[in-house]
Protein backbone atom coordinates (compact mmCIF):
# COMPACT_ATOMS: atom_id res chain seq x y z
CA UNK A 1 33.14 -30.05 -19.38
CA UNK A 2 35.15 -29.54 -16.21
CA UNK A 3 34.05 -27.22 -13.43
CA UNK A 4 36.56 -24.51 -14.30
CA UNK A 5 35.34 -24.32 -17.88
CA UNK A 6 31.69 -24.28 -16.71
CA UNK A 7 32.49 -21.44 -14.32
CA UNK A 8 34.19 -19.47 -17.10
CA UNK A 9 31.36 -19.91 -19.59
CA UNK A 10 28.44 -19.47 -17.20
CA UNK A 11 29.83 -16.70 -15.00
CA UNK A 12 29.02 -18.80 -11.91
CA UNK A 13 32.03 -19.30 -9.68
CA UNK A 14 33.40 -22.78 -9.03
CA UNK A 15 32.67 -22.23 -5.35
CA UNK A 16 28.99 -21.49 -6.08
CA UNK A 17 28.78 -24.53 -8.37
CA UNK A 18 30.04 -26.70 -5.52
CA UNK A 19 27.43 -25.05 -3.25
CA UNK A 20 24.70 -25.91 -5.77
CA UNK A 21 25.95 -29.48 -5.78
CA UNK A 22 25.87 -29.68 -1.99
CA UNK A 23 22.23 -28.55 -2.05
CA UNK A 24 21.34 -31.05 -4.74
CA UNK A 25 20.43 -28.33 -7.24
CA UNK A 26 22.81 -29.51 -9.97
CA UNK A 27 25.05 -32.55 -9.87
CA UNK A 28 27.72 -33.25 -12.47
CA UNK A 29 26.62 -36.21 -14.56
CA UNK A 30 30.04 -37.82 -14.59
CA UNK A 31 33.63 -37.92 -13.45
CA UNK A 32 36.84 -38.01 -15.39
CA UNK A 33 39.30 -40.81 -14.99
CA UNK A 34 41.15 -38.61 -12.52
CA UNK A 35 37.97 -38.06 -10.46
CA UNK A 36 37.24 -34.49 -11.61
CA UNK A 37 33.63 -33.33 -11.97
CA UNK A 38 32.40 -33.43 -15.54
CA UNK A 39 29.27 -31.46 -16.53
CA UNK A 40 27.08 -32.53 -19.42
CA UNK A 41 25.21 -30.20 -21.74
CA UNK A 42 22.06 -30.89 -19.70
CA UNK A 43 23.90 -30.03 -16.47
CA UNK A 44 25.07 -26.72 -17.91
CA UNK A 45 21.54 -25.94 -19.11
CA UNK A 46 20.31 -26.53 -15.56
CA UNK A 47 22.94 -24.12 -14.22
CA UNK A 48 21.60 -21.43 -16.54
CA UNK A 49 18.05 -22.21 -15.42
CA UNK A 50 19.09 -21.79 -11.80
CA UNK A 51 20.69 -18.41 -12.52
CA UNK A 52 17.64 -17.23 -14.45
CA UNK A 53 15.33 -18.08 -11.55
CA UNK A 54 17.69 -16.44 -9.07
CA UNK A 55 17.43 -13.23 -11.11
CA UNK A 56 13.69 -13.25 -10.38
CA UNK A 57 14.33 -13.24 -6.66
CA UNK A 58 13.63 -16.91 -5.92
CA UNK A 59 15.44 -18.56 -3.06
CA UNK A 60 17.55 -21.63 -3.79
CA UNK A 61 14.95 -23.77 -2.03
CA UNK A 62 12.20 -22.37 -4.31
CA UNK A 63 14.43 -22.93 -7.33
CA UNK A 64 14.94 -26.58 -6.42
CA UNK A 65 11.20 -27.04 -6.07
CA UNK A 66 10.51 -25.28 -9.36
CA UNK A 67 12.99 -27.45 -11.27
CA UNK A 68 12.27 -30.83 -9.68
CA UNK A 69 8.54 -30.84 -8.88
CA UNK A 70 6.60 -32.02 -11.96
CA UNK A 71 3.37 -30.60 -10.53
CA UNK A 72 4.84 -27.21 -9.80
CA UNK A 73 2.60 -24.33 -10.99
CA UNK A 74 4.74 -21.30 -11.88
CA UNK A 75 1.78 -18.88 -11.98
CA UNK A 76 1.31 -18.96 -8.20
CA UNK A 77 5.02 -18.49 -7.55
CA UNK A 78 5.22 -15.59 -9.99
CA UNK A 79 2.18 -14.03 -8.31
CA UNK A 80 3.86 -14.36 -4.93
CA UNK A 81 7.01 -12.78 -6.33
CA UNK A 82 5.01 -9.85 -7.67
CA UNK A 83 3.38 -9.31 -4.26
CA UNK A 84 6.68 -9.62 -2.37
CA UNK A 85 8.40 -7.24 -4.78
CA UNK A 86 5.66 -4.64 -4.38
CA UNK A 87 5.88 -4.92 -0.60
CA UNK A 88 9.65 -4.53 -0.75
CA UNK A 89 9.39 -1.51 -3.06
CA UNK A 90 6.79 0.08 -0.75
CA UNK A 91 9.03 -0.49 2.27
CA UNK A 92 12.05 0.95 0.47
CA UNK A 93 9.99 3.91 -0.70
CA UNK A 94 8.89 4.61 2.86
CA UNK A 95 12.50 4.41 4.01
CA UNK A 96 13.63 6.71 1.21
CA UNK A 97 10.91 9.21 2.08
CA UNK A 98 11.90 9.16 5.73
CA UNK A 99 15.59 9.65 4.91
CA UNK A 100 14.79 12.48 2.50
CA UNK A 101 12.71 14.24 5.12
CA UNK A 102 15.44 13.89 7.71
CA UNK A 103 17.92 15.32 5.22
CA UNK A 104 15.56 18.21 4.39
CA UNK A 105 15.31 19.09 8.07
CA UNK A 106 19.07 19.75 7.96
CA UNK A 107 19.88 18.21 11.38
CA UNK A 108 22.95 19.60 13.09
CA UNK A 109 23.75 16.37 14.94
CA UNK A 110 22.50 12.95 15.93
CA UNK A 111 20.25 14.43 18.59
CA UNK A 112 18.40 16.36 15.90
CA UNK A 113 18.18 13.24 13.74
CA UNK A 114 16.66 11.27 16.61
CA UNK A 115 14.13 14.04 17.30
CA UNK A 116 13.05 14.09 13.66
CA UNK A 117 12.75 10.29 13.58
CA UNK A 118 10.68 10.34 16.76
CA UNK A 119 8.36 12.99 15.29
CA UNK A 120 7.94 11.07 12.02
CA UNK A 121 7.00 7.93 13.92
CA UNK A 122 4.59 9.82 16.17
CA UNK A 123 2.84 11.43 13.20
CA UNK A 124 1.87 7.92 12.12
CA UNK A 125 0.46 6.98 15.55
CA UNK A 126 -3.17 5.85 15.71
CA UNK A 127 -3.87 7.90 18.83
CA UNK A 128 -4.80 11.57 18.12
CA UNK A 129 -3.46 12.58 21.53
CA UNK A 130 -0.11 10.97 20.74
CA UNK A 131 0.08 12.84 17.44
CA UNK A 132 -0.84 16.11 19.13
CA UNK A 133 1.74 15.68 21.91
CA UNK A 134 4.46 14.92 19.39
CA UNK A 135 3.71 18.05 17.35
CA UNK A 136 3.47 20.35 20.37
CA UNK A 137 6.66 18.90 21.83
CA UNK A 138 8.78 20.18 18.97
CA UNK A 139 11.10 22.70 20.56
CA UNK A 140 12.13 25.96 19.01
CA UNK A 141 15.61 24.64 18.29
CA UNK A 142 14.46 21.32 16.83
CA UNK A 143 14.58 20.91 13.04
CA UNK A 144 11.14 20.38 11.54
CA UNK A 145 10.48 17.98 8.65
CA UNK A 146 8.20 20.41 6.80
CA UNK A 147 7.16 18.02 4.05
CA UNK A 148 6.05 15.45 6.63
CA UNK A 149 4.15 18.08 8.59
CA UNK A 150 2.37 19.24 5.44
CA UNK A 151 1.43 15.67 4.53
CA UNK A 152 0.13 15.12 8.05
CA UNK A 153 -1.83 18.39 8.01
CA UNK A 154 -3.47 17.53 4.70
CA UNK A 155 -4.51 14.11 5.97
CA UNK A 156 -5.43 14.90 9.58
CA UNK A 157 -9.10 14.41 10.44
CA UNK A 158 -8.92 15.27 14.14
CA UNK A 159 -9.53 19.05 14.51
CA UNK A 160 -7.34 19.39 17.60
CA UNK A 161 -4.37 17.65 16.01
CA UNK A 162 -4.97 19.63 12.82
CA UNK A 163 -4.72 22.85 14.83
CA UNK A 164 -1.42 21.71 16.35
CA UNK A 165 -0.05 20.89 12.91
CA UNK A 166 -1.04 24.31 11.58
CA UNK A 167 0.75 25.86 14.55
CA UNK A 168 3.87 23.85 13.80
CA UNK A 169 3.77 24.80 10.12
CA UNK A 170 3.37 28.47 11.02
CA UNK A 171 6.74 28.35 12.79
CA UNK A 172 8.49 26.23 10.17
CA UNK A 173 10.74 27.37 7.35
CA UNK A 174 9.69 28.88 4.05
CA UNK A 175 8.91 25.61 2.24
CA UNK A 176 5.46 25.22 3.80
CA UNK A 177 3.42 27.66 1.63
CA UNK A 178 4.37 26.08 -1.70
CA UNK A 179 3.80 22.55 -0.40
CA UNK A 180 0.40 23.48 1.04
CA UNK A 181 -0.56 25.25 -2.18
CA UNK A 182 -0.13 21.93 -4.02
CA UNK A 183 -2.84 20.55 -1.74
CA UNK A 184 -5.31 23.09 -3.13
CA UNK A 185 -5.46 20.99 -6.30
CA UNK A 186 -5.97 17.67 -4.53
CA UNK A 187 -8.81 15.53 -5.95
CA UNK A 188 -10.39 15.17 -2.49
CA UNK A 189 -12.43 18.16 -1.28
CA UNK A 190 -11.53 17.61 2.38
CA UNK A 191 -7.82 17.78 1.54
CA UNK A 192 -8.31 21.04 -0.36
CA UNK A 193 -10.10 22.53 2.63
CA UNK A 194 -7.31 21.47 5.01
CA UNK A 195 -4.76 22.99 2.65
CA UNK A 196 -6.45 26.40 2.55
CA UNK A 197 -6.94 26.38 6.33
CA UNK A 198 -3.26 25.64 6.86
CA UNK A 199 -2.27 28.36 4.38
CA UNK A 200 -4.52 30.78 6.25
CA UNK A 201 -2.53 30.12 9.42
CA UNK A 202 0.71 31.23 7.75
CA UNK A 203 1.94 34.78 7.65
CA UNK A 204 4.08 36.28 4.95
CA UNK A 205 3.60 37.46 1.40
CA UNK A 206 4.14 34.04 -0.18
CA UNK A 207 1.24 32.46 1.71
CA UNK A 208 -0.91 35.54 1.08
CA UNK A 209 -0.14 35.27 -2.64
CA UNK A 210 -1.37 31.68 -2.74
CA UNK A 211 -4.52 32.75 -0.88
CA UNK A 212 -5.14 35.51 -3.43
CA UNK A 213 -4.76 32.96 -6.22
CA UNK A 214 -7.27 30.77 -4.36
CA UNK A 215 -9.92 33.48 -4.78
CA UNK A 216 -10.30 32.15 -8.34
CA UNK A 217 -10.32 28.49 -7.32
CA UNK A 218 -13.16 26.35 -8.75
CA UNK A 219 -13.89 24.94 -5.29
CA UNK A 220 -16.30 27.33 -3.52
CA UNK A 221 -15.06 26.21 -0.10
CA UNK A 222 -11.48 27.06 -0.98
CA UNK A 223 -12.51 30.43 -2.44
CA UNK A 224 -14.59 31.24 0.61
CA UNK A 225 -11.96 30.34 3.19
CA UNK A 226 -9.32 32.36 1.35
CA UNK A 227 -11.66 35.33 1.02
CA UNK A 228 -12.59 35.37 4.71
CA UNK A 229 -8.95 35.29 5.77
CA UNK A 230 -7.82 37.91 3.29
CA UNK A 231 -10.83 40.11 4.01
CA UNK A 232 -10.09 40.03 7.74
CA UNK A 233 -6.57 41.20 6.86
CA UNK A 234 -8.01 44.13 4.91
CA UNK A 235 -7.28 42.84 1.41
CA UNK A 236 -9.66 44.51 -1.11
CA UNK A 237 -9.20 41.65 -3.62
CA UNK A 238 -11.37 39.47 -1.39
CA UNK A 239 -14.44 41.75 -1.57
CA UNK A 240 -16.15 40.29 -4.68
CA UNK A 241 -15.92 36.74 -3.31
CA UNK A 242 -17.20 37.87 0.09
CA UNK A 243 -20.21 39.54 -1.52
CA UNK A 244 -20.88 36.34 -3.51
CA UNK A 245 -20.84 34.38 -0.26
CA UNK A 246 -23.38 36.75 1.31
CA UNK A 247 -25.71 36.41 -1.65
CA UNK A 248 -25.40 32.62 -1.71
CA UNK A 249 -25.74 32.25 2.07
CA UNK A 250 -22.45 30.38 2.29
CA UNK A 251 -20.68 31.31 5.54
CA UNK A 252 -22.38 34.65 5.02
CA UNK A 253 -21.91 35.81 8.62
CA UNK A 254 -18.15 35.28 8.42
CA UNK A 255 -18.11 36.95 5.00
CA UNK A 256 -19.96 40.03 6.28
CA UNK A 257 -17.64 40.27 9.28
CA UNK A 258 -14.62 40.02 6.96
CA UNK A 259 -15.82 43.09 5.02
CA UNK A 260 -15.23 45.30 8.05
CA UNK A 261 -11.45 45.44 7.72
CA UNK A 262 -11.25 46.61 4.09
CA UNK A 263 -14.20 48.95 4.77
CA UNK A 264 -12.02 50.88 7.23
CA UNK A 265 -10.58 52.62 4.17
CA UNK A 266 -13.20 55.19 3.03
CA UNK A 267 -12.59 54.66 -0.68
CA UNK A 268 -12.80 50.89 -0.36
CA UNK A 269 -15.90 51.23 1.83
CA UNK A 270 -17.65 53.08 -0.99
CA UNK A 271 -16.73 50.33 -3.46
CA UNK A 272 -18.00 47.67 -1.07
CA UNK A 273 -21.28 49.50 -0.57
CA UNK A 274 -21.67 49.93 -4.34
CA UNK A 275 -21.10 46.20 -4.80
CA UNK A 276 -23.70 45.31 -2.19
CA UNK A 277 -26.22 47.72 -3.71
CA UNK A 278 -25.62 46.31 -7.21
CA UNK A 279 -26.38 42.79 -6.03
CA UNK A 280 -29.49 44.05 -4.20
CA UNK A 281 -30.76 45.44 -7.50
CA UNK A 282 -29.89 42.28 -9.45
CA UNK A 283 -33.13 40.43 -10.39
CA UNK A 284 -31.26 37.14 -9.94
CA UNK A 285 -30.81 37.83 -6.22
CA UNK A 286 -33.58 36.12 -4.26
CA UNK A 287 -35.32 37.42 -1.14
CA UNK A 288 -33.00 35.66 1.36
CA UNK A 289 -29.97 37.05 -0.47
CA UNK A 290 -31.39 40.59 -0.46
CA UNK A 291 -32.03 40.32 3.26
CA UNK A 292 -28.44 39.22 3.93
CA UNK A 293 -27.05 42.00 1.72
CA UNK A 294 -29.11 44.56 3.63
CA UNK A 295 -27.72 43.30 6.93
CA UNK A 296 -24.17 43.45 5.52
CA UNK A 297 -24.61 47.19 4.86
CA UNK A 298 -24.80 47.73 8.62
CA UNK A 299 -21.02 47.62 9.08
CA UNK A 300 -20.08 49.59 5.96
CA UNK A 301 -19.49 53.27 6.68
CA UNK A 302 -19.95 56.09 4.20
CA UNK A 303 -22.68 57.89 2.29
CA UNK A 304 -23.35 55.13 -0.26
CA UNK A 305 -24.28 52.61 2.42
CA UNK A 306 -26.37 55.19 4.31
CA UNK A 307 -28.27 56.22 1.17
CA UNK A 308 -28.90 52.59 0.30
CA UNK A 309 -30.37 51.89 3.74
CA UNK A 310 -32.68 54.92 3.43
CA UNK A 311 -33.95 53.66 0.10
CA UNK A 312 -34.27 50.07 1.34
CA UNK A 313 -36.37 51.21 4.33
CA UNK A 314 -39.17 51.64 1.82
CA UNK A 315 -38.50 48.37 -0.04
CA UNK A 316 -41.42 46.25 -1.22
CA UNK A 317 -39.97 43.32 0.68
CA UNK A 318 -41.18 43.95 4.22
CA UNK A 319 -38.32 41.99 5.81
CA UNK A 320 -35.76 44.08 3.92
CA UNK A 321 -37.57 47.33 4.76
CA UNK A 322 -37.76 46.54 8.47
CA UNK A 323 -34.11 45.50 8.57
CA UNK A 324 -33.01 48.67 6.80
CA UNK A 325 -35.10 50.88 9.11
CA UNK A 326 -33.64 49.19 12.17
CA UNK A 327 -30.11 49.57 10.86
CA UNK A 328 -30.71 53.27 10.16
CA UNK A 329 -31.70 53.76 13.79
CA UNK A 330 -28.55 52.00 14.96
CA UNK A 331 -26.51 54.08 12.53
CA UNK A 332 -28.08 57.30 13.81
CA UNK A 333 -27.48 56.27 17.41
CA UNK A 334 -23.88 55.47 16.61
CA UNK A 335 -23.38 58.79 14.84
CA UNK A 336 -24.89 60.62 17.82
CA UNK A 337 -22.64 58.77 20.24
CA UNK A 338 -19.56 59.58 18.20
CA UNK A 339 -20.55 63.25 17.95
CA UNK A 340 -21.11 63.39 21.71
CA UNK A 341 -17.69 61.89 22.28
CA UNK A 342 -16.07 64.44 19.97
CA UNK A 343 -17.92 67.27 21.74
CA UNK A 344 -16.73 66.02 25.11
CA UNK A 345 -13.19 65.86 23.84
CA UNK A 346 -13.40 69.44 22.55
CA UNK A 347 -14.70 70.64 25.92
CA UNK A 348 -11.81 68.97 27.72
CA UNK A 349 -9.41 70.81 25.46
C-alpha cells in the first residue's frame, strides 16, 4: 500500500508518516518498481499502534522504546503516565481557579489584574508576615478576590494573619457571608471555628442571619461563638445558648458579659433572669454551674433578678449564698448611687 493510501486509511498525514520514518518508528517494508514507499499489513498495524500510544500521552521516544524493547514493562510506564496526568490536571485546576478568582474580582484594567495576581501569590507565601503585609496592602480601590480570601481565612493558623484576613473580608463585597457559612459545615473543627469568627467580623443582616442559624449548630464552639457575638449586639435569640454556656462553664465569662446588651431591654431582662433562675433550680445543674449562674445575675436588672439574689443569699450552698449576699450589697450601692445622681440632677433643675 502506498503512502497516500495509508494516510487516507489511517488518518495520519503523509508528512507525519515520513516523520515517523525519519525517527525509525515505522519503515515501509518495500519499494515499488518506481521507488515509491510500499507499506505492508504489518507496517500499517505498527502505525495504528503508534497512534494508540500517542493518544495515551506518550512521547515518540517512549513509543519507540515501548514497541522495540522486548523487555519493556508497560505497567511502570502506565503508572508514570497516571502520575504525570494527575500532576497536569492539578496544575490546570490551580490555573483555572486562579483565573476564575481574577474574573470574579471584576478587574477594571490590567493594573487591577496584576494586583489580584500578586495578592493570590502572596496568600500562598510560607511567611506569615508576607501574607499579612499582602492582605493589609490591599487598597480601597483594589478589587478583592473574595473566594480566595475566604479560603485563606478558613485555612490560616497564624492569629495575626487571620485577623488581617477577617478585616479584608469585612470590607469586601457581599459574597463573603455565604462562602464563610459553607465553612461552618467543614469536617475539621478548627475550620468551623475560623468560619464563625470570620462571620462574626462581618456586619449586615446576611451575616447576622448565618450567625443566628449557627445557634443551632451541633458544634458547641460554633454555637458559643455565634451566641457571644449576637448577644453583644443585643440579639435575644442568643440568650438560651449563653445561659447553657454559663451552666457548662464554657467561655462562661464571655457569655455572662454578652447577656448585658439584651438585658438593657426591661422585658428581655426579666426573661433572662427567669431563665437563669430556672437553671439554678434544675437538679441537673451542679454546684459550679449554680455558682456561675448566681454571678451572672449580677448584671441583670429588674425585680426578678433582685428577688432571686435575695432568695439565694440563704441558699444551702454556702458559696452561692455568699456570692448572692455580696451581689445584693453591690446592687444596693449601685441603686443608692443612681438615686443620689437623680436627686442631684433634680436640685440643679
